[in-house]
C-alpha atoms as a PDB file:
ATOM      1  CA  MET A   1      -7.392  11.336  33.735  1.00  0.00           C
ATOM      2  CA  PRO A   2      -6.108  14.252  31.738  1.00  0.00           C
ATOM      3  CA  ASP A   3      -5.847  18.009  33.241  1.00  0.00           C
ATOM      4  CA  PRO A   4      -8.697  20.048  31.982  1.00  0.00           C
ATOM      5  CA  ILE A   5      -8.634  22.942  29.664  1.00  0.00           C
ATOM      6  CA  PRO A   6      -8.738  26.750  30.126  1.00  0.00           C
ATOM      7  CA  VAL A   7     -11.998  27.575  28.922  1.00  0.00           C
ATOM      8  CA  ARG A   8     -14.498  30.455  29.225  1.00  0.00           C
ATOM      9  CA  LEU A   9     -17.295  29.911  30.058  1.00  0.00           C
ATOM     10  CA  SER A  10     -20.721  31.600  29.469  1.00  0.00           C
ATOM     11  CA  ASP A  11     -22.995  33.458  32.659  1.00  0.00           C
ATOM     12  CA  ASP A  12     -25.116  30.417  32.537  1.00  0.00           C
ATOM     13  CA  GLY A  13     -22.479  28.002  32.155  1.00  0.00           C
ATOM     14  CA  ARG A  14     -24.223  26.751  28.859  1.00  0.00           C
ATOM     15  CA  THR A  15     -21.656  27.559  26.527  1.00  0.00           C
ATOM     16  CA  ALA A  16     -17.752  26.512  26.520  1.00  0.00           C
ATOM     17  CA  THR A  17     -15.093  28.404  24.248  1.00  0.00           C
ATOM     18  CA  TRP A  18     -11.457  27.323  24.347  1.00  0.00           C
ATOM     19  CA  ASN A  19      -8.209  26.836  22.331  1.00  0.00           C
ATOM     20  CA  PRO A  20      -8.203  23.650  20.615  1.00  0.00           C
ATOM     21  CA  ALA A  21      -4.521  23.563  20.296  1.00  0.00           C
ATOM     22  CA  MET A  22      -4.228  23.468  23.718  1.00  0.00           C
ATOM     23  CA  THR A  23      -4.266  19.132  22.952  1.00  0.00           C
ATOM     24  CA  ARG A  24      -3.460  17.468  19.954  1.00  0.00           C
ATOM     25  CA  ALA A  25      -6.666  14.789  20.205  1.00  0.00           C
ATOM     26  CA  ALA A  26      -9.392  15.074  17.891  1.00  0.00           C
ATOM     27  CA  HIS A  27     -12.093  15.345  20.634  1.00  0.00           C
ATOM     28  CA  VAL A  28     -12.794  16.515  24.187  1.00  0.00           C
ATOM     29  CA  ILE A  29     -14.576  15.504  26.812  1.00  0.00           C
ATOM     30  CA  LEU A  30     -17.728  17.463  28.605  1.00  0.00           C
ATOM     31  CA  ARG A  31     -17.899  17.449  32.076  1.00  0.00           C
ATOM     32  CA  ILE A  32     -21.419  18.051  32.807  1.00  0.00           C
ATOM     33  CA  GLY A  33     -24.070  18.272  35.614  1.00  0.00           C
ATOM     34  CA  ARG A  34     -27.641  19.202  35.402  1.00  0.00           C
ATOM     35  CA  ASP A  35     -29.790  22.151  37.666  1.00  0.00           C
ATOM     36  CA  GLU A  36     -31.835  19.541  38.932  1.00  0.00           C
ATOM     37  CA  GLY A  37     -29.409  17.194  40.658  1.00  0.00           C
ATOM     38  CA  GLY A  38     -25.660  17.004  41.442  1.00  0.00           C
ATOM     39  CA  GLU A  39     -25.448  14.309  38.898  1.00  0.00           C
ATOM     40  CA  VAL A  40     -22.263  14.489  36.799  1.00  0.00           C
ATOM     41  CA  GLU A  41     -22.094  12.938  32.908  1.00  0.00           C
ATOM     42  CA  GLU A  42     -19.640  13.506  30.333  1.00  0.00           C
ATOM     43  CA  ARG A  43     -20.572  13.494  27.064  1.00  0.00           C
ATOM     44  CA  ARG A  44     -17.615  13.555  23.694  1.00  0.00           C
ATOM     45  CA  SER A  45     -17.699  16.534  21.567  1.00  0.00           C
ATOM     46  CA  MET A  46     -14.918  17.213  18.735  1.00  0.00           C
ATOM     47  CA  ASN A  47     -12.413  19.539  19.208  1.00  0.00           C
ATOM     48  CA  SER A  48     -13.747  22.647  18.132  1.00  0.00           C
ATOM     49  CA  GLY A  49     -12.968  25.315  20.255  1.00  0.00           C
ATOM     50  CA  ARG A  50     -16.542  25.989  21.286  1.00  0.00           C
ATOM     51  CA  ALA A  51     -19.813  23.647  22.992  1.00  0.00           C
ATOM     52  CA  ARG A  52     -23.299  24.189  24.273  1.00  0.00           C
ATOM     53  CA  VAL A  53     -24.685  22.140  26.386  1.00  0.00           C
ATOM     54  CA  ARG A  54     -29.320  21.900  26.629  1.00  0.00           C
ATOM     55  CA  GLU A  55     -31.290  23.863  28.607  1.00  0.00           C
ATOM     56  CA  GLY A  56     -30.863  22.850  32.435  1.00  0.00           C
ATOM     57  CA  GLU A  57     -27.558  21.689  31.747  1.00  0.00           C
ATOM     58  CA  ARG A  58     -24.273  23.203  32.857  1.00  0.00           C
ATOM     59  CA  ILE A  59     -20.626  22.514  31.526  1.00  0.00           C
ATOM     60  CA  HIS A  60     -18.161  21.933  34.588  1.00  0.00           C
ATOM     61  CA  GLU A  61     -14.630  21.200  32.977  1.00  0.00           C
ATOM     62  CA  VAL A  62     -13.541  20.220  29.487  1.00  0.00           C
ATOM     63  CA  LEU A  63     -10.719  17.790  29.575  1.00  0.00           C
ATOM     64  CA  ALA A  64      -8.932  16.457  26.537  1.00  0.00           C
ATOM     65  CA  GLY A  65      -9.449  13.591  24.657  1.00  0.00           C
ATOM     66  CA  GLU A  66      -7.019  10.860  23.369  1.00  0.00           C
ATOM     67  CA  GLU A  67      -5.290  12.174  20.601  1.00  0.00           C
END
């Protein structure tokens, strides 16, 4: 599994920003946890430098997708 990309998280953990040039991949993988449980899921997102998740979710880390 690739190393996490350095990100800046908002205080509530719902928004992450990063430098999209940190990876050449077109997509990133967001590792997201829910507030009410310990379950972690992965979602694919465009490597735009910004991601936001729904209320009750928190971004744990951003990983580079396949190049």
